[in-house]
Amino acid sequence: MLRLENVSSQYEDRAVVLRGVSLKVVKGEIACLLGSNGAGKTTLMRTIVNILRPLQGHIFLEDVRIDQLKTHQIIKLGISVVPEGRRIFPNFTVFENLRVGSFLESDQKVIHENMGEVFKIFPILKDRIFQYGITLSGGEQAMLAIARALMAKPKVLLLDEPSLGLAPVLVKEFFSVIKRINEEGTTILLVEQNARKALSVASRGYVLQKGRIVAEGTSKELRHSETLRSAYLKG
């Protein structure tokens, strides 16, 4: 479903951040990308949707090469992103935030149906539909960020640190939700520092260290990986 081949990228006036990254996400699975702060996880997410243009390598969604497309074109092909820190629109209502998530859809009936589906996953958002984003709790904002991404009915959902800043009881709930979204047909690439939780829902994963993939395997293999432990200790 999603494939990166030897991808490198960097920010302006900075050293290369990603160095020859190759990975794949198979249709219907949850794959996770693990690594400590500064490993390059968020950079990889931005590179996939061409917020950051790759220096080299190719990126494919199914069989379509997307690394030369503009971000909105990539979104239209079927990738949605839940960015690190959620980044909802604080002065928009819940309804308005969700409407932004379906900006490519003009059919009001379809928009209404999609909104009904996300309310089944996050019923609290229906109760908050006319509240401004800034008035929501941290957990509700995290729900809204995922719901907004789902409004586009993506083939692939990129989740960047969805558990960051959440209370432990909410973290458990969110990983259950991620599993449910996947079971309903959405392929997921999950970027996480919480390796234990990520590996509990993912079928396999990759370990990123200093911009390079240093280990990959099934969730079971990575749970016992010395390389994974080393990556978290050394960054």
C-alpha atoms as a PDB file:
ATOM      1  CA  MET A   1       0.000   0.000   0.000  1.00  0.00           C
ATOM      2  CA  LEU A   2       2.806   2.410   0.914  1.00  0.00           C
ATOM      3  CA  ARG A   3       6.455   1.944  -0.043  1.00  0.00           C
ATOM      4  CA  LEU A   4       9.608   4.013   0.471  1.00  0.00           C
ATOM      5  CA  GLU A   5      12.727   3.150  -1.497  1.00  0.00           C
ATOM      6  CA  ASN A   6      16.091   4.564  -0.407  1.00  0.00           C
ATOM      7  CA  VAL A   7      14.609   7.903   0.696  1.00  0.00           C
ATOM      8  CA  SER A   8      16.792  10.697   2.072  1.00  0.00           C
ATOM      9  CA  SER A   9      15.694  14.188   3.086  1.00  0.00           C
ATOM     10  CA  GLN A  10      16.838  17.261   4.974  1.00  0.00           C
ATOM     11  CA  TYR A  11      15.606  20.637   6.161  1.00  0.00           C
ATOM     12  CA  GLU A  12      17.008  23.822   4.648  1.00  0.00           C
ATOM     13  CA  ASP A  13      20.510  24.674   5.886  1.00  0.00           C
ATOM     14  CA  ARG A  14      20.673  21.520   7.993  1.00  0.00           C
ATOM     15  CA  ALA A  15      22.413  18.188   7.762  1.00  0.00           C
ATOM     16  CA  VAL A  16      20.612  15.259   6.138  1.00  0.00           C
ATOM     17  CA  VAL A  17      17.990  13.877   8.527  1.00  0.00           C
ATOM     18  CA  LEU A  18      16.790  10.750   6.703  1.00  0.00           C
ATOM     19  CA  ARG A  19      19.455   8.536   5.168  1.00  0.00           C
ATOM     20  CA  GLY A  20      18.420   5.902   2.640  1.00  0.00           C
ATOM     21  CA  VAL A  21      15.206   4.829   4.351  1.00  0.00           C
ATOM     22  CA  SER A  22      13.328   1.903   2.818  1.00  0.00           C
ATOM     23  CA  LEU A  23      10.130   0.509   4.300  1.00  0.00           C
ATOM     24  CA  LYS A  24       6.730  -0.772   3.290  1.00  0.00           C
ATOM     25  CA  VAL A  25       3.259  -0.874   4.778  1.00  0.00           C
ATOM     26  CA  VAL A  26       1.129  -3.755   3.524  1.00  0.00           C
ATOM     27  CA  LYS A  27      -2.546  -3.210   2.773  1.00  0.00           C
ATOM     28  CA  GLY A  28      -4.739  -3.852   5.802  1.00  0.00           C
ATOM     29  CA  GLU A  29      -1.995  -3.895   8.423  1.00  0.00           C
ATOM     30  CA  ILE A  30      -0.719  -1.637  11.185  1.00  0.00           C
ATOM     31  CA  ALA A  31       3.015  -1.050  10.815  1.00  0.00           C
ATOM     32  CA  CYS A  32       4.859   0.979  13.412  1.00  0.00           C
ATOM     33  CA  LEU A  33       7.929   3.176  13.215  1.00  0.00           C
ATOM     34  CA  LEU A  34       9.802   3.326  16.508  1.00  0.00           C
ATOM     35  CA  GLY A  35      12.591   5.554  17.707  1.00  0.00           C
ATOM     36  CA  SER A  36      13.590   8.088  20.314  1.00  0.00           C
ATOM     37  CA  ASN A  37      13.326  11.878  20.056  1.00  0.00           C
ATOM     38  CA  GLY A  38      15.409  13.208  17.173  1.00  0.00           C
ATOM     39  CA  ALA A  39      15.546   9.890  15.326  1.00  0.00           C
ATOM     40  CA  GLY A  40      13.785  11.377  12.297  1.00  0.00           C
ATOM     41  CA  LYS A  41      10.270   9.953  12.708  1.00  0.00           C
ATOM     42  CA  THR A  42       8.340  13.178  12.118  1.00  0.00           C
ATOM     43  CA  THR A  43      10.679  14.080   9.252  1.00  0.00           C
ATOM     44  CA  LEU A  44       9.761  10.792   7.605  1.00  0.00           C
ATOM     45  CA  MET A  45       6.041  11.565   7.932  1.00  0.00           C
ATOM     46  CA  ARG A  46       6.526  15.021   6.398  1.00  0.00           C
ATOM     47  CA  THR A  47       8.554  13.519   3.575  1.00  0.00           C
ATOM     48  CA  ILE A  48       5.853  10.980   2.698  1.00  0.00           C
ATOM     49  CA  VAL A  49       3.325  13.771   2.036  1.00  0.00           C
ATOM     50  CA  ASN A  50       5.948  16.059   0.461  1.00  0.00           C
ATOM     51  CA  ILE A  51       5.820  18.795   3.070  1.00  0.00           C
ATOM     52  CA  LEU A  52       9.539  18.087   2.971  1.00  0.00           C
ATOM     53  CA  ARG A  53      10.772  17.148  -0.497  1.00  0.00           C
ATOM     54  CA  PRO A  54      13.053  14.086  -0.584  1.00  0.00           C
ATOM     55  CA  LEU A  55      16.615  14.544  -1.754  1.00  0.00           C
ATOM     56  CA  GLN A  56      16.633  11.076  -3.284  1.00  0.00           C
ATOM     57  CA  GLY A  57      14.606   7.918  -3.476  1.00  0.00           C
ATOM     58  CA  HIS A  58      11.059   7.074  -4.476  1.00  0.00           C
ATOM     59  CA  ILE A  59       7.775   6.889  -2.557  1.00  0.00           C
ATOM     60  CA  PHE A  60       4.771   4.922  -3.827  1.00  0.00           C
ATOM     61  CA  LEU A  61       1.133   4.722  -2.779  1.00  0.00           C
ATOM     62  CA  GLU A  62       0.008   1.406  -4.214  1.00  0.00           C
ATOM     63  CA  ASP A  63       1.684   1.583  -7.640  1.00  0.00           C
ATOM     64  CA  VAL A  64       1.579   5.360  -8.012  1.00  0.00           C
ATOM     65  CA  ARG A  65       4.793   7.308  -7.445  1.00  0.00           C
ATOM     66  CA  ILE A  66       3.950  10.249  -5.157  1.00  0.00           C
ATOM     67  CA  ASP A  67       7.256  11.862  -4.193  1.00  0.00           C
ATOM     68  CA  GLN A  68       6.986  14.359  -7.049  1.00  0.00           C
ATOM     69  CA  LEU A  69       3.362  15.292  -6.347  1.00  0.00           C
ATOM     70  CA  LYS A  70       2.114  18.225  -4.299  1.00  0.00           C
ATOM     71  CA  THR A  71       0.786  17.580  -0.808  1.00  0.00           C
ATOM     72  CA  HIS A  72      -2.891  18.109  -1.667  1.00  0.00           C
ATOM     73  CA  GLN A  73      -2.538  15.687  -4.585  1.00  0.00           C
ATOM     74  CA  ILE A  74      -1.101  13.042  -2.259  1.00  0.00           C
ATOM     75  CA  ILE A  75      -3.964  13.562   0.190  1.00  0.00           C
ATOM     76  CA  LYS A  76      -6.441  13.197  -2.663  1.00  0.00           C
ATOM     77  CA  LEU A  77      -4.892   9.837  -3.612  1.00  0.00           C
ATOM     78  CA  GLY A  78      -5.684   8.484  -0.151  1.00  0.00           C
ATOM     79  CA  ILE A  79      -3.209   9.451   2.600  1.00  0.00           C
ATOM     80  CA  SER A  80      -4.322  11.304   5.737  1.00  0.00           C
ATOM     81  CA  VAL A  81      -2.046  12.542   8.506  1.00  0.00           C
ATOM     82  CA  VAL A  82      -2.581  13.064  12.213  1.00  0.00           C
ATOM     83  CA  PRO A  83       0.396  15.317  13.008  1.00  0.00           C
ATOM     84  CA  GLU A  84       2.419  15.334  16.192  1.00  0.00           C
ATOM     85  CA  GLY A  85       0.772  17.672  18.706  1.00  0.00           C
ATOM     86  CA  ARG A  86      -2.673  17.197  17.009  1.00  0.00           C
ATOM     87  CA  ARG A  87      -2.738  20.716  15.500  1.00  0.00           C
ATOM     88  CA  ILE A  88      -6.481  21.110  15.437  1.00  0.00           C
ATOM     89  CA  PHE A  89      -7.861  24.549  14.617  1.00  0.00           C
ATOM     90  CA  PRO A  90      -8.489  25.934  18.132  1.00  0.00           C
ATOM     91  CA  ASN A  91     -10.852  28.720  17.046  1.00  0.00           C
ATOM     92  CA  PHE A  92     -12.944  26.400  14.853  1.00  0.00           C
ATOM     93  CA  THR A  93     -15.791  24.325  16.257  1.00  0.00           C
ATOM     94  CA  VAL A  94     -15.635  20.542  16.235  1.00  0.00           C
ATOM     95  CA  PHE A  95     -17.943  20.604  13.201  1.00  0.00           C
ATOM     96  CA  GLU A  96     -15.709  23.073  11.374  1.00  0.00           C
ATOM     97  CA  ASN A  97     -12.583  21.045  12.131  1.00  0.00           C
ATOM     98  CA  LEU A  98     -14.253  17.935  10.746  1.00  0.00           C
ATOM     99  CA  ARG A  99     -15.456  19.836   7.695  1.00  0.00           C
ATOM    100  CA  VAL A 100     -11.858  20.873   6.974  1.00  0.00           C
ATOM    101  CA  GLY A 101     -10.951  17.182   7.013  1.00  0.00           C
ATOM    102  CA  SER A 102     -13.293  16.592   4.099  1.00  0.00           C
ATOM    103  CA  PHE A 103     -12.207  19.616   2.049  1.00  0.00           C
ATOM    104  CA  LEU A 104     -11.875  17.461  -1.076  1.00  0.00           C
ATOM    105  CA  GLU A 105     -15.497  16.292  -0.857  1.00  0.00           C
ATOM    106  CA  SER A 106     -18.310  18.526  -2.130  1.00  0.00           C
ATOM    107  CA  ASP A 107     -21.242  16.123  -1.762  1.00  0.00           C
ATOM    108  CA  GLN A 108     -23.005  17.152   1.452  1.00  0.00           C
ATOM    109  CA  LYS A 109     -24.641  13.735   1.808  1.00  0.00           C
ATOM    110  CA  VAL A 110     -21.255  11.999   1.746  1.00  0.00           C
ATOM    111  CA  ILE A 111     -19.839  14.509   4.243  1.00  0.00           C
ATOM    112  CA  HIS A 112     -22.792  13.886   6.568  1.00  0.00           C
ATOM    113  CA  GLU A 113     -22.343  10.111   6.280  1.00  0.00           C
ATOM    114  CA  ASN A 114     -18.602  10.348   6.973  1.00  0.00           C
ATOM    115  CA  MET A 115     -19.250  12.521   9.996  1.00  0.00           C
ATOM    116  CA  GLY A 116     -21.740   9.960  11.295  1.00  0.00           C
ATOM    117  CA  GLU A 117     -19.087   7.263  10.996  1.00  0.00           C
ATOM    118  CA  VAL A 118     -16.490   9.198  13.001  1.00  0.00           C
ATOM    119  CA  PHE A 119     -19.129   9.926  15.661  1.00  0.00           C
ATOM    120  CA  LYS A 120     -19.587   6.167  16.049  1.00  0.00           C
ATOM    121  CA  ILE A 121     -15.893   5.930  16.889  1.00  0.00           C
ATOM    122  CA  PHE A 122     -15.800   9.102  19.014  1.00  0.00           C
ATOM    123  CA  PRO A 123     -19.352   9.707  20.334  1.00  0.00           C
ATOM    124  CA  ILE A 124     -18.151  12.442  22.686  1.00  0.00           C
ATOM    125  CA  LEU A 125     -17.364  14.617  19.658  1.00  0.00           C
ATOM    126  CA  LYS A 126     -21.029  14.571  18.645  1.00  0.00           C
ATOM    127  CA  ASP A 127     -21.876  16.028  22.051  1.00  0.00           C
ATOM    128  CA  ARG A 128     -19.205  18.697  21.521  1.00  0.00           C
ATOM    129  CA  ILE A 129     -20.037  19.445  17.875  1.00  0.00           C
ATOM    130  CA  PHE A 130     -20.514  23.208  18.347  1.00  0.00           C
ATOM    131  CA  GLN A 131     -17.741  23.680  20.910  1.00  0.00           C
ATOM    132  CA  TYR A 132     -14.549  25.406  19.873  1.00  0.00           C
ATOM    133  CA  GLY A 133     -11.446  23.246  19.674  1.00  0.00           C
ATOM    134  CA  ILE A 134      -9.668  25.306  22.301  1.00  0.00           C
ATOM    135  CA  THR A 135     -12.327  24.387  24.901  1.00  0.00           C
ATOM    136  CA  LEU A 136     -11.819  20.629  24.501  1.00  0.00           C
ATOM    137  CA  SER A 137      -9.724  18.547  26.880  1.00  0.00           C
ATOM    138  CA  GLY A 138      -6.389  17.163  25.670  1.00  0.00           C
ATOM    139  CA  GLY A 139      -7.945  13.761  25.087  1.00  0.00           C
ATOM    140  CA  GLU A 140     -10.861  15.236  23.160  1.00  0.00           C
ATOM    141  CA  GLN A 141      -8.489  17.252  20.988  1.00  0.00           C
ATOM    142  CA  ALA A 142      -6.585  14.053  20.203  1.00  0.00           C
ATOM    143  CA  MET A 143      -9.871  12.381  19.232  1.00  0.00           C
ATOM    144  CA  LEU A 144     -10.744  15.340  17.020  1.00  0.00           C
ATOM    145  CA  ALA A 145      -7.372  15.202  15.244  1.00  0.00           C
ATOM    146  CA  ILE A 146      -7.914  11.537  14.336  1.00  0.00           C
ATOM    147  CA  ALA A 147     -11.566  12.119  13.415  1.00  0.00           C
ATOM    148  CA  ARG A 148     -10.587  15.009  11.141  1.00  0.00           C
ATOM    149  CA  ALA A 149      -8.107  12.754   9.304  1.00  0.00           C
ATOM    150  CA  LEU A 150     -10.734  10.013   8.937  1.00  0.00           C
ATOM    151  CA  MET A 151     -13.179  12.417   7.282  1.00  0.00           C
ATOM    152  CA  ALA A 152     -11.177  12.018   4.061  1.00  0.00           C
ATOM    153  CA  LYS A 153     -11.784   8.229   4.077  1.00  0.00           C
ATOM    154  CA  PRO A 154      -8.057   7.517   3.655  1.00  0.00           C
ATOM    155  CA  LYS A 155      -6.518   4.334   2.344  1.00  0.00           C
ATOM    156  CA  VAL A 156      -3.507   4.966   4.599  1.00  0.00           C
ATOM    157  CA  LEU A 157      -3.571   6.823   7.915  1.00  0.00           C
ATOM    158  CA  LEU A 158      -0.280   8.251   9.208  1.00  0.00           C
ATOM    159  CA  LEU A 159      -0.353   8.694  12.985  1.00  0.00           C
ATOM    160  CA  ASP A 160       2.482  10.751  14.477  1.00  0.00           C
ATOM    161  CA  GLU A 161       2.823  10.176  18.243  1.00  0.00           C
ATOM    162  CA  PRO A 162      -0.939   9.903  18.968  1.00  0.00           C
ATOM    163  CA  SER A 163      -0.334   9.016  22.637  1.00  0.00           C
ATOM    164  CA  LEU A 164       1.960  11.986  23.344  1.00  0.00           C
ATOM    165  CA  GLY A 165       0.822  13.935  26.403  1.00  0.00           C
ATOM    166  CA  LEU A 166      -2.141  11.684  27.196  1.00  0.00           C
ATOM    167  CA  ALA A 167      -2.894  10.242  30.620  1.00  0.00           C
ATOM    168  CA  PRO A 168      -2.120   6.491  30.876  1.00  0.00           C
ATOM    169  CA  VAL A 169      -5.819   5.549  31.000  1.00  0.00           C
ATOM    170  CA  LEU A 170      -6.413   7.475  27.747  1.00  0.00           C
ATOM    171  CA  VAL A 171      -3.369   5.918  26.076  1.00  0.00           C
ATOM    172  CA  LYS A 172      -4.910   2.469  26.508  1.00  0.00           C
ATOM    173  CA  GLU A 173      -8.214   3.724  25.067  1.00  0.00           C
ATOM    174  CA  PHE A 174      -6.511   5.339  22.082  1.00  0.00           C
ATOM    175  CA  PHE A 175      -4.624   2.236  21.090  1.00  0.00           C
ATOM    176  CA  SER A 176      -7.912   0.317  21.199  1.00  0.00           C
ATOM    177  CA  VAL A 177      -9.378   2.934  18.856  1.00  0.00           C
ATOM    178  CA  ILE A 178      -6.393   2.637  16.498  1.00  0.00           C
ATOM    179  CA  LYS A 179      -6.913  -1.110  16.350  1.00  0.00           C
ATOM    180  CA  ARG A 180     -10.626  -0.627  15.636  1.00  0.00           C
ATOM    181  CA  ILE A 181      -9.943   1.835  12.798  1.00  0.00           C
ATOM    182  CA  ASN A 182      -7.589  -0.689  11.246  1.00  0.00           C
ATOM    183  CA  GLU A 183     -10.062  -3.546  11.620  1.00  0.00           C
ATOM    184  CA  GLU A 184     -12.627  -1.435   9.747  1.00  0.00           C
ATOM    185  CA  GLY A 185     -10.330  -1.329   6.728  1.00  0.00           C
ATOM    186  CA  THR A 186      -7.783   1.491   7.092  1.00  0.00           C
ATOM    187  CA  THR A 187      -4.085   0.714   6.665  1.00  0.00           C
ATOM    188  CA  ILE A 188      -2.015   2.493   9.331  1.00  0.00           C
ATOM    189  CA  LEU A 189       1.570   3.638   9.756  1.00  0.00           C
ATOM    190  CA  LEU A 190       1.969   4.419  13.442  1.00  0.00           C
ATOM    191  CA  VAL A 191       4.910   6.541  14.603  1.00  0.00           C
ATOM    192  CA  GLU A 192       5.510   6.125  18.334  1.00  0.00           C
ATOM    193  CA  GLN A 193       7.975   6.465  21.163  1.00  0.00           C
ATOM    194  CA  ASN A 194       5.836   4.123  23.264  1.00  0.00           C
ATOM    195  CA  ALA A 195       7.266   0.945  21.793  1.00  0.00           C
ATOM    196  CA  ARG A 196       5.413  -1.426  24.092  1.00  0.00           C
ATOM    197  CA  LYS A 197       1.998  -0.024  23.173  1.00  0.00           C
ATOM    198  CA  ALA A 198       2.808   0.324  19.471  1.00  0.00           C
ATOM    199  CA  LEU A 199       3.987  -3.270  19.210  1.00  0.00           C
ATOM    200  CA  SER A 200       0.843  -4.461  21.005  1.00  0.00           C
ATOM    201  CA  VAL A 201      -1.330  -3.344  18.050  1.00  0.00           C
ATOM    202  CA  ALA A 202       1.090  -3.492  15.097  1.00  0.00           C
ATOM    203  CA  SER A 203       1.818  -6.640  13.137  1.00  0.00           C
ATOM    204  CA  ARG A 204       5.372  -5.502  12.417  1.00  0.00           C
ATOM    205  CA  GLY A 205       7.607  -2.501  12.635  1.00  0.00           C
ATOM    206  CA  TYR A 206      10.795  -0.617  11.944  1.00  0.00           C
ATOM    207  CA  VAL A 207      13.315   1.023  14.261  1.00  0.00           C
ATOM    208  CA  LEU A 208      14.708   4.389  13.207  1.00  0.00           C
ATOM    209  CA  GLN A 209      17.958   5.640  14.695  1.00  0.00           C
ATOM    210  CA  LYS A 210      19.714   8.818  13.554  1.00  0.00           C
ATOM    211  CA  GLY A 211      17.782   8.824  10.299  1.00  0.00           C
ATOM    212  CA  ARG A 212      18.459   5.195   9.359  1.00  0.00           C
ATOM    213  CA  ILE A 213      16.409   2.022   9.664  1.00  0.00           C
ATOM    214  CA  VAL A 214      18.473  -0.130  12.013  1.00  0.00           C
ATOM    215  CA  ALA A 215      16.027  -2.977  12.611  1.00  0.00           C
ATOM    216  CA  GLU A 216      12.792  -4.367  11.223  1.00  0.00           C
ATOM    217  CA  GLY A 217      10.664  -7.401  11.867  1.00  0.00           C
ATOM    218  CA  THR A 218       7.441  -8.726  13.300  1.00  0.00           C
ATOM    219  CA  SER A 219       6.189  -7.248  16.539  1.00  0.00           C
ATOM    220  CA  LYS A 220       7.292 -10.380  18.380  1.00  0.00           C
ATOM    221  CA  GLU A 221      10.802 -10.155  16.947  1.00  0.00           C
ATOM    222  CA  LEU A 222      11.148  -6.477  17.822  1.00  0.00           C
ATOM    223  CA  ARG A 223       9.942  -6.970  21.395  1.00  0.00           C
ATOM    224  CA  HIS A 224      13.075  -9.060  21.960  1.00  0.00           C
ATOM    225  CA  SER A 225      15.384  -6.929  19.850  1.00  0.00           C
ATOM    226  CA  GLU A 226      18.587  -5.656  21.413  1.00  0.00           C
ATOM    227  CA  THR A 227      18.790  -3.134  18.554  1.00  0.00           C
ATOM    228  CA  LEU A 228      15.453  -1.633  19.648  1.00  0.00           C
ATOM    229  CA  ARG A 229      16.679  -1.193  23.210  1.00  0.00           C
ATOM    230  CA  SER A 230      19.942   0.278  21.936  1.00  0.00           C
ATOM    231  CA  ALA A 231      18.106   2.769  19.685  1.00  0.00           C
ATOM    232  CA  TYR A 232      16.136   4.128  22.615  1.00  0.00           C
ATOM    233  CA  LEU A 233      19.213   4.441  24.771  1.00  0.00           C
ATOM    234  CA  LYS A 234      21.419   6.072  22.133  1.00  0.00           C
ATOM    235  CA  GLY A 235      18.843   8.130  20.164  1.00  0.00           C
END
